[in-house]
Amino acid sequence: VYGHSYIAYGRLGANGRPASVQYADFHPGGGNLGLAVGHVVLVAADMTPEKATLRLPLTSAFRRKLNAAEYKKMIEAIWRAHANNHVWSALAYNCNSFVADVAQAIGMKTPPTILFASAFVPALRDMNATPSERATAKRGSARKADAPARQ
């Protein structure tokens, strides 16, 4: 209904295209029931990317090249999230919250996490992209993004 944010990351090949991609995700456990209940109470979170989610068409994406130090911080933030065993809540801590935590770990500015994912990712891009990256995204090439957030 309102989208889903997750992180796709990896290494770029010599041609500047993704050579490898991994996914980091944060969603309610229990499928649709967990999603519905998570609008009222906290539910267990799942961080294993769902294949069905990854097959959905992208409506918005943002790619950011990271240096080695930023990449390390990103990986550390993802692993911290896994270790903390969060619970999911539509209002308190959702997929956007997870993406925001990782983005902040590498020094990015983040929009409010209560936004629909369909608005969160473009806002994240607008707050952090260079003018040329924004222009490229408006032409649609950002749909091929690999880091740090996809919706």
N, C-alpha and C. Protein backbone atom coordinates (compact mmCIF):
# COMPACT_ATOMS: atom_id res chain seq x y z
N VAL A 1 0.82 -1.19 0.00
CA VAL A 1 0.00 0.00 0.00
C VAL A 1 0.86 1.25 0.00
N TYR A 2 1.87 1.28 0.85
CA TYR A 2 2.68 2.49 0.96
C TYR A 2 4.16 2.24 0.70
N GLY A 3 4.49 1.09 0.19
CA GLY A 3 5.86 0.82 -0.21
C GLY A 3 6.71 0.19 0.87
N HIS A 4 7.93 -0.10 0.50
CA HIS A 4 8.89 -0.74 1.40
C HIS A 4 10.29 -0.27 1.03
N SER A 5 11.05 0.12 2.03
CA SER A 5 12.45 0.54 1.81
C SER A 5 13.38 -0.58 2.24
N TYR A 6 14.41 -0.80 1.46
CA TYR A 6 15.46 -1.75 1.83
C TYR A 6 16.76 -1.28 1.21
N ILE A 7 17.83 -1.95 1.58
CA ILE A 7 19.15 -1.55 1.10
C ILE A 7 19.71 -2.63 0.19
N ALA A 8 20.21 -2.21 -0.94
CA ALA A 8 20.95 -3.09 -1.85
C ALA A 8 22.36 -2.52 -1.92
N TYR A 9 23.34 -3.36 -1.71
CA TYR A 9 24.71 -2.87 -1.69
C TYR A 9 25.63 -3.91 -2.31
N GLY A 10 26.79 -3.44 -2.71
CA GLY A 10 27.76 -4.35 -3.29
C GLY A 10 28.91 -3.59 -3.92
N ARG A 11 29.63 -4.29 -4.72
CA ARG A 11 30.81 -3.72 -5.38
C ARG A 11 30.47 -3.38 -6.82
N LEU A 12 31.08 -2.31 -7.30
CA LEU A 12 30.93 -1.94 -8.70
C LEU A 12 32.05 -2.57 -9.52
N GLY A 13 31.72 -2.97 -10.71
CA GLY A 13 32.72 -3.50 -11.62
C GLY A 13 33.47 -2.37 -12.30
N ALA A 14 34.41 -2.73 -13.14
CA ALA A 14 35.23 -1.75 -13.86
C ALA A 14 34.38 -0.84 -14.74
N ASN A 15 33.23 -1.34 -15.19
CA ASN A 15 32.34 -0.56 -16.05
C ASN A 15 31.41 0.37 -15.27
N GLY A 16 31.54 0.37 -13.93
CA GLY A 16 30.69 1.23 -13.10
C GLY A 16 29.33 0.63 -12.80
N ARG A 17 29.07 -0.57 -13.25
CA ARG A 17 27.82 -1.28 -13.00
C ARG A 17 28.01 -2.23 -11.83
N PRO A 18 26.94 -2.57 -11.12
CA PRO A 18 27.08 -3.50 -9.99
C PRO A 18 27.68 -4.84 -10.43
N ALA A 19 28.73 -5.24 -9.74
CA ALA A 19 29.36 -6.54 -9.98
C ALA A 19 28.81 -7.58 -9.02
N SER A 20 28.34 -7.13 -7.87
CA SER A 20 27.72 -8.01 -6.88
C SER A 20 26.70 -7.19 -6.11
N VAL A 21 25.63 -7.84 -5.68
CA VAL A 21 24.60 -7.15 -4.91
C VAL A 21 24.16 -8.04 -3.75
N GLN A 22 24.06 -7.42 -2.59
CA GLN A 22 23.50 -8.06 -1.40
C GLN A 22 22.38 -7.16 -0.91
N TYR A 23 21.48 -7.72 -0.11
CA TYR A 23 20.33 -6.95 0.36
C TYR A 23 20.26 -6.97 1.88
N ALA A 24 19.86 -5.83 2.43
CA ALA A 24 19.60 -5.71 3.86
C ALA A 24 18.17 -5.19 3.99
N ASP A 25 17.40 -5.85 4.80
CA ASP A 25 15.97 -5.57 4.87
C ASP A 25 15.51 -5.56 6.33
N PHE A 26 14.41 -4.91 6.58
CA PHE A 26 13.80 -4.87 7.91
C PHE A 26 12.30 -4.79 7.71
N HIS A 27 11.60 -5.84 8.11
CA HIS A 27 10.16 -5.89 7.94
C HIS A 27 9.53 -6.70 9.07
N PRO A 28 8.21 -6.60 9.23
CA PRO A 28 7.56 -7.36 10.30
C PRO A 28 7.57 -8.85 9.98
N GLY A 29 7.81 -9.65 11.01
CA GLY A 29 7.67 -11.09 10.85
C GLY A 29 6.19 -11.44 10.80
N GLY A 30 5.89 -12.60 10.32
CA GLY A 30 4.50 -13.04 10.31
C GLY A 30 3.70 -12.64 9.10
N GLY A 31 4.38 -12.19 8.06
CA GLY A 31 3.68 -11.87 6.81
C GLY A 31 2.67 -10.74 6.97
N ASN A 32 1.56 -10.88 6.26
CA ASN A 32 0.54 -9.83 6.27
C ASN A 32 -0.08 -9.64 7.65
N LEU A 33 -0.20 -10.73 8.41
CA LEU A 33 -0.75 -10.60 9.77
C LEU A 33 0.18 -9.75 10.63
N GLY A 34 1.49 -10.02 10.56
CA GLY A 34 2.46 -9.22 11.31
C GLY A 34 2.43 -7.76 10.88
N LEU A 35 2.27 -7.53 9.60
CA LEU A 35 2.17 -6.16 9.08
C LEU A 35 0.95 -5.46 9.66
N ALA A 36 -0.19 -6.12 9.65
CA ALA A 36 -1.42 -5.52 10.16
C ALA A 36 -1.33 -5.26 11.65
N VAL A 37 -0.89 -6.26 12.41
CA VAL A 37 -0.80 -6.13 13.87
C VAL A 37 0.24 -5.09 14.25
N GLY A 38 1.30 -4.97 13.47
CA GLY A 38 2.37 -4.01 13.74
C GLY A 38 1.94 -2.56 13.61
N HIS A 39 0.75 -2.32 13.16
CA HIS A 39 0.21 -0.96 13.15
C HIS A 39 -0.40 -0.60 14.50
N VAL A 40 -0.55 -1.60 15.37
CA VAL A 40 -1.18 -1.38 16.67
C VAL A 40 -0.21 -1.67 17.81
N VAL A 41 0.53 -2.77 17.71
CA VAL A 41 1.49 -3.17 18.75
C VAL A 41 2.81 -3.57 18.10
N LEU A 42 3.85 -3.68 18.91
CA LEU A 42 5.14 -4.12 18.41
C LEU A 42 5.07 -5.59 18.01
N VAL A 43 5.72 -5.93 16.90
CA VAL A 43 5.81 -7.32 16.45
C VAL A 43 7.27 -7.67 16.20
N ALA A 44 7.56 -8.94 16.20
CA ALA A 44 8.92 -9.39 15.92
C ALA A 44 9.32 -8.95 14.52
N ALA A 45 10.55 -8.53 14.40
CA ALA A 45 11.06 -8.09 13.11
C ALA A 45 11.81 -9.22 12.42
N ASP A 46 11.82 -9.17 11.11
CA ASP A 46 12.58 -10.11 10.31
C ASP A 46 13.53 -9.29 9.44
N MET A 47 14.77 -9.75 9.34
CA MET A 47 15.75 -9.01 8.54
C MET A 47 16.25 -9.82 7.35
N THR A 48 15.59 -10.93 7.07
CA THR A 48 15.95 -11.72 5.91
C THR A 48 15.17 -11.19 4.71
N PRO A 49 15.86 -10.71 3.70
CA PRO A 49 15.14 -10.19 2.53
C PRO A 49 14.23 -11.25 1.93
N GLU A 50 13.01 -10.86 1.59
CA GLU A 50 12.06 -11.78 1.00
C GLU A 50 12.17 -11.72 -0.52
N LYS A 51 12.30 -12.87 -1.15
CA LYS A 51 12.46 -12.91 -2.60
C LYS A 51 11.31 -12.23 -3.32
N ALA A 52 10.09 -12.38 -2.79
CA ALA A 52 8.93 -11.74 -3.43
C ALA A 52 9.07 -10.23 -3.42
N THR A 53 9.60 -9.67 -2.34
CA THR A 53 9.79 -8.22 -2.25
C THR A 53 10.81 -7.76 -3.27
N LEU A 54 11.89 -8.49 -3.42
CA LEU A 54 12.96 -8.10 -4.34
C LEU A 54 12.53 -8.17 -5.80
N ARG A 55 11.46 -8.92 -6.09
CA ARG A 55 10.96 -9.03 -7.46
C ARG A 55 9.97 -7.92 -7.82
N LEU A 56 9.50 -7.18 -6.83
CA LEU A 56 8.54 -6.11 -7.11
C LEU A 56 9.21 -5.00 -7.90
N PRO A 57 8.46 -4.32 -8.75
CA PRO A 57 9.06 -3.22 -9.51
C PRO A 57 9.46 -2.08 -8.58
N LEU A 58 10.57 -1.45 -8.89
CA LEU A 58 11.03 -0.30 -8.10
C LEU A 58 10.25 0.94 -8.53
N THR A 59 9.86 1.71 -7.53
CA THR A 59 9.23 2.99 -7.84
C THR A 59 10.19 4.14 -7.60
N SER A 60 11.22 3.88 -6.80
CA SER A 60 12.20 4.92 -6.52
C SER A 60 13.47 4.25 -6.02
N ALA A 61 14.61 4.83 -6.35
CA ALA A 61 15.88 4.29 -5.90
C ALA A 61 16.90 5.41 -5.80
N PHE A 62 17.93 5.14 -5.03
CA PHE A 62 19.00 6.12 -4.85
C PHE A 62 20.31 5.36 -4.75
N ARG A 63 21.25 5.66 -5.63
CA ARG A 63 22.57 5.03 -5.60
C ARG A 63 23.57 6.04 -5.08
N ARG A 64 24.43 5.57 -4.21
CA ARG A 64 25.51 6.42 -3.72
C ARG A 64 26.78 5.59 -3.68
N LYS A 65 27.82 6.09 -4.34
CA LYS A 65 29.10 5.41 -4.27
C LYS A 65 29.72 5.70 -2.92
N LEU A 66 30.27 4.67 -2.31
CA LEU A 66 30.88 4.80 -0.99
C LEU A 66 32.37 4.56 -1.08
N ASN A 67 33.12 5.28 -0.25
CA ASN A 67 34.54 4.97 -0.14
C ASN A 67 34.69 3.80 0.83
N ALA A 68 35.89 3.30 1.01
CA ALA A 68 36.11 2.11 1.84
C ALA A 68 35.66 2.33 3.28
N ALA A 69 35.93 3.50 3.84
CA ALA A 69 35.55 3.78 5.23
C ALA A 69 34.03 3.82 5.37
N GLU A 70 33.34 4.45 4.42
CA GLU A 70 31.87 4.51 4.46
C GLU A 70 31.27 3.12 4.30
N TYR A 71 31.84 2.33 3.39
CA TYR A 71 31.33 0.97 3.17
C TYR A 71 31.46 0.15 4.45
N LYS A 72 32.59 0.28 5.13
CA LYS A 72 32.79 -0.44 6.39
C LYS A 72 31.77 0.00 7.43
N LYS A 73 31.53 1.31 7.53
CA LYS A 73 30.53 1.82 8.49
C LYS A 73 29.14 1.30 8.15
N MET A 74 28.83 1.23 6.86
CA MET A 74 27.53 0.72 6.45
C MET A 74 27.35 -0.74 6.86
N ILE A 75 28.35 -1.55 6.60
CA ILE A 75 28.29 -2.97 6.96
C ILE A 75 28.16 -3.11 8.48
N GLU A 76 28.92 -2.33 9.22
CA GLU A 76 28.84 -2.38 10.68
C GLU A 76 27.45 -1.99 11.17
N ALA A 77 26.84 -0.99 10.57
CA ALA A 77 25.49 -0.57 10.96
C ALA A 77 24.47 -1.66 10.66
N ILE A 78 24.61 -2.33 9.54
CA ILE A 78 23.70 -3.43 9.20
C ILE A 78 23.85 -4.55 10.22
N TRP A 79 25.08 -4.90 10.56
CA TRP A 79 25.30 -5.97 11.53
C TRP A 79 24.83 -5.58 12.93
N ARG A 80 24.99 -4.31 13.29
CA ARG A 80 24.45 -3.84 14.59
C ARG A 80 22.94 -4.03 14.64
N ALA A 81 22.29 -3.69 13.55
CA ALA A 81 20.83 -3.86 13.49
C ALA A 81 20.45 -5.32 13.64
N HIS A 82 21.18 -6.21 12.99
CA HIS A 82 20.92 -7.64 13.14
C HIS A 82 21.11 -8.08 14.59
N ALA A 83 22.17 -7.60 15.23
CA ALA A 83 22.49 -8.01 16.60
C ALA A 83 21.50 -7.47 17.62
N ASN A 84 20.89 -6.33 17.35
CA ASN A 84 19.99 -5.72 18.33
C ASN A 84 18.60 -6.32 18.33
N ASN A 85 18.29 -7.19 17.38
CA ASN A 85 17.02 -7.89 17.36
C ASN A 85 15.83 -6.95 17.59
N HIS A 86 15.71 -5.96 16.76
CA HIS A 86 14.63 -4.98 16.86
C HIS A 86 13.25 -5.61 16.73
N VAL A 87 12.29 -4.88 17.21
CA VAL A 87 10.90 -5.21 16.91
C VAL A 87 10.42 -4.19 15.89
N TRP A 88 9.41 -4.57 15.12
CA TRP A 88 8.89 -3.71 14.06
C TRP A 88 7.61 -3.05 14.52
N SER A 89 7.45 -1.80 14.14
CA SER A 89 6.24 -1.04 14.39
C SER A 89 6.06 -0.08 13.23
N ALA A 90 4.86 0.01 12.72
CA ALA A 90 4.62 0.94 11.62
C ALA A 90 4.95 2.37 12.03
N LEU A 91 4.76 2.71 13.29
CA LEU A 91 4.98 4.08 13.75
C LEU A 91 6.30 4.29 14.49
N ALA A 92 6.75 3.29 15.24
CA ALA A 92 7.93 3.49 16.09
C ALA A 92 9.25 3.12 15.41
N TYR A 93 9.32 1.98 14.73
CA TYR A 93 10.55 1.57 14.05
C TYR A 93 10.17 0.67 12.89
N ASN A 94 10.31 1.22 11.68
CA ASN A 94 9.88 0.52 10.47
C ASN A 94 11.04 0.39 9.48
N CYS A 95 10.75 -0.01 8.27
CA CYS A 95 11.80 -0.18 7.26
C CYS A 95 12.55 1.12 7.00
N ASN A 96 11.85 2.22 6.99
CA ASN A 96 12.53 3.51 6.78
C ASN A 96 13.48 3.82 7.93
N SER A 97 13.09 3.45 9.15
CA SER A 97 13.94 3.68 10.33
C SER A 97 15.26 2.93 10.18
N PHE A 98 15.17 1.69 9.72
CA PHE A 98 16.36 0.88 9.49
C PHE A 98 17.26 1.52 8.43
N VAL A 99 16.67 1.91 7.30
CA VAL A 99 17.46 2.55 6.24
C VAL A 99 18.07 3.85 6.76
N ALA A 100 17.31 4.62 7.53
CA ALA A 100 17.82 5.88 8.08
C ALA A 100 19.00 5.63 9.01
N ASP A 101 18.91 4.62 9.87
CA ASP A 101 20.02 4.31 10.78
C ASP A 101 21.30 4.01 10.00
N VAL A 102 21.17 3.22 8.96
CA VAL A 102 22.34 2.87 8.15
C VAL A 102 22.85 4.11 7.40
N ALA A 103 21.95 4.88 6.84
CA ALA A 103 22.36 6.10 6.12
C ALA A 103 23.06 7.08 7.06
N GLN A 104 22.54 7.25 8.27
CA GLN A 104 23.17 8.15 9.23
C GLN A 104 24.55 7.66 9.64
N ALA A 105 24.73 6.34 9.68
CA ALA A 105 26.03 5.77 10.04
C ALA A 105 27.13 6.16 9.05
N ILE A 106 26.73 6.46 7.81
CA ILE A 106 27.73 6.89 6.82
C ILE A 106 27.66 8.39 6.58
N GLY A 107 27.01 9.11 7.49
CA GLY A 107 27.02 10.56 7.44
C GLY A 107 25.96 11.22 6.58
N MET A 108 24.96 10.48 6.20
CA MET A 108 23.91 11.06 5.37
C MET A 108 22.84 11.73 6.23
N LYS A 109 22.17 12.71 5.66
CA LYS A 109 20.99 13.31 6.27
C LYS A 109 19.81 12.43 5.92
N THR A 110 18.81 12.38 6.83
CA THR A 110 17.65 11.54 6.56
C THR A 110 16.35 12.29 6.82
N PRO A 111 15.33 12.00 6.03
CA PRO A 111 14.01 12.60 6.25
C PRO A 111 13.29 11.89 7.40
N PRO A 112 12.14 12.38 7.81
CA PRO A 112 11.36 11.68 8.84
C PRO A 112 11.03 10.26 8.39
N THR A 113 11.15 9.31 9.29
CA THR A 113 10.92 7.91 8.93
C THR A 113 9.45 7.54 8.91
N ILE A 114 8.58 8.40 9.34
CA ILE A 114 7.15 8.13 9.33
C ILE A 114 6.54 8.29 7.93
N LEU A 115 7.32 8.84 6.99
CA LEU A 115 6.85 8.98 5.61
C LEU A 115 6.57 7.61 4.99
N PHE A 116 5.68 7.57 4.02
CA PHE A 116 5.55 6.36 3.21
C PHE A 116 6.89 6.13 2.53
N ALA A 117 7.25 4.88 2.32
CA ALA A 117 8.52 4.57 1.66
C ALA A 117 8.59 5.22 0.29
N SER A 118 7.45 5.33 -0.37
CA SER A 118 7.41 5.95 -1.70
C SER A 118 7.80 7.43 -1.66
N ALA A 119 7.74 8.05 -0.49
CA ALA A 119 8.19 9.43 -0.33
C ALA A 119 9.55 9.49 0.38
N PHE A 120 9.84 8.49 1.23
CA PHE A 120 11.07 8.48 2.00
C PHE A 120 12.31 8.41 1.12
N VAL A 121 12.33 7.47 0.19
CA VAL A 121 13.52 7.27 -0.65
C VAL A 121 13.81 8.50 -1.52
N PRO A 122 12.80 9.08 -2.20
CA PRO A 122 13.11 10.30 -2.95
C PRO A 122 13.59 11.45 -2.05
N ALA A 123 13.03 11.55 -0.84
CA ALA A 123 13.48 12.60 0.08
C ALA A 123 14.92 12.35 0.53
N LEU A 124 15.26 11.09 0.78
CA LEU A 124 16.63 10.72 1.15
C LEU A 124 17.59 11.11 0.02
N ARG A 125 17.20 10.80 -1.20
CA ARG A 125 18.01 11.15 -2.37
C ARG A 125 18.16 12.66 -2.47
N ASP A 126 17.05 13.39 -2.35
CA ASP A 126 17.10 14.85 -2.50
C ASP A 126 17.96 15.51 -1.44
N MET A 127 17.99 14.93 -0.23
CA MET A 127 18.77 15.51 0.86
C MET A 127 20.26 15.24 0.71
N ASN A 128 20.64 14.22 -0.08
CA ASN A 128 22.03 13.78 -0.12
C ASN A 128 22.68 13.75 -1.49
N ALA A 129 21.92 13.83 -2.54
CA ALA A 129 22.46 13.72 -3.89
C ALA A 129 23.04 15.06 -4.36
N THR A 130 24.03 14.96 -5.21
CA THR A 130 24.56 16.15 -5.85
C THR A 130 23.55 16.61 -6.91
N PRO A 131 23.64 17.83 -7.38
CA PRO A 131 22.72 18.28 -8.43
C PRO A 131 22.73 17.37 -9.67
N SER A 132 23.90 16.89 -10.07
CA SER A 132 23.94 16.01 -11.25
C SER A 132 23.29 14.65 -10.96
N GLU A 133 23.43 14.15 -9.73
CA GLU A 133 22.76 12.90 -9.36
C GLU A 133 21.25 13.08 -9.36
N ARG A 134 20.77 14.23 -8.89
CA ARG A 134 19.34 14.51 -8.90
C ARG A 134 18.81 14.55 -10.33
N ALA A 135 19.56 15.18 -11.22
CA ALA A 135 19.13 15.27 -12.62
C ALA A 135 19.09 13.89 -13.25
N THR A 136 20.09 13.06 -12.96
CA THR A 136 20.12 11.70 -13.48
C THR A 136 18.94 10.90 -12.96
N ALA A 137 18.62 11.04 -11.67
CA ALA A 137 17.51 10.31 -11.07
C ALA A 137 16.19 10.71 -11.72
N LYS A 138 16.03 11.97 -12.05
CA LYS A 138 14.79 12.43 -12.66
C LYS A 138 14.61 11.86 -14.06
N ARG A 139 15.71 11.51 -14.71
CA ARG A 139 15.62 10.88 -16.03
C ARG A 139 15.34 9.39 -15.92
N GLY A 140 15.34 8.85 -14.69
CA GLY A 140 14.97 7.46 -14.49
C GLY A 140 16.11 6.49 -14.35
N SER A 141 17.35 6.91 -14.49
CA SER A 141 18.45 5.95 -14.42
C SER A 141 18.71 5.48 -13.00
N ALA A 142 18.17 6.15 -11.99
CA ALA A 142 18.39 5.72 -10.61
C ALA A 142 17.66 4.42 -10.30
N ARG A 143 16.81 3.95 -11.18
CA ARG A 143 16.10 2.69 -10.95
C ARG A 143 17.08 1.52 -10.92
N LYS A 144 18.30 1.74 -11.36
CA LYS A 144 19.30 0.68 -11.38
C LYS A 144 20.22 0.80 -10.17
N ALA A 145 19.72 1.34 -9.08
CA ALA A 145 20.55 1.65 -7.92
C ALA A 145 21.07 0.41 -7.22
N ASP A 146 22.18 0.61 -6.49
CA ASP A 146 22.69 -0.50 -5.70
C ASP A 146 23.03 -0.10 -4.28
N ALA A 147 22.97 1.18 -3.89
CA ALA A 147 23.22 1.54 -2.49
C ALA A 147 22.85 2.99 -2.29
N PRO A 148 22.38 3.43 -1.14
CA PRO A 148 22.08 2.64 0.02
C PRO A 148 20.61 2.29 0.19
N ALA A 149 19.70 2.83 -0.59
CA ALA A 149 18.31 2.54 -0.29
C ALA A 149 17.50 2.32 -1.56
N ARG A 150 16.56 1.43 -1.44
CA ARG A 150 15.63 1.19 -2.53
C ARG A 150 14.24 1.07 -1.95
N GLN A 151 13.29 1.45 -2.74
CA GLN A 151 11.90 1.32 -2.30
C GLN A 151 11.09 0.70 -3.40
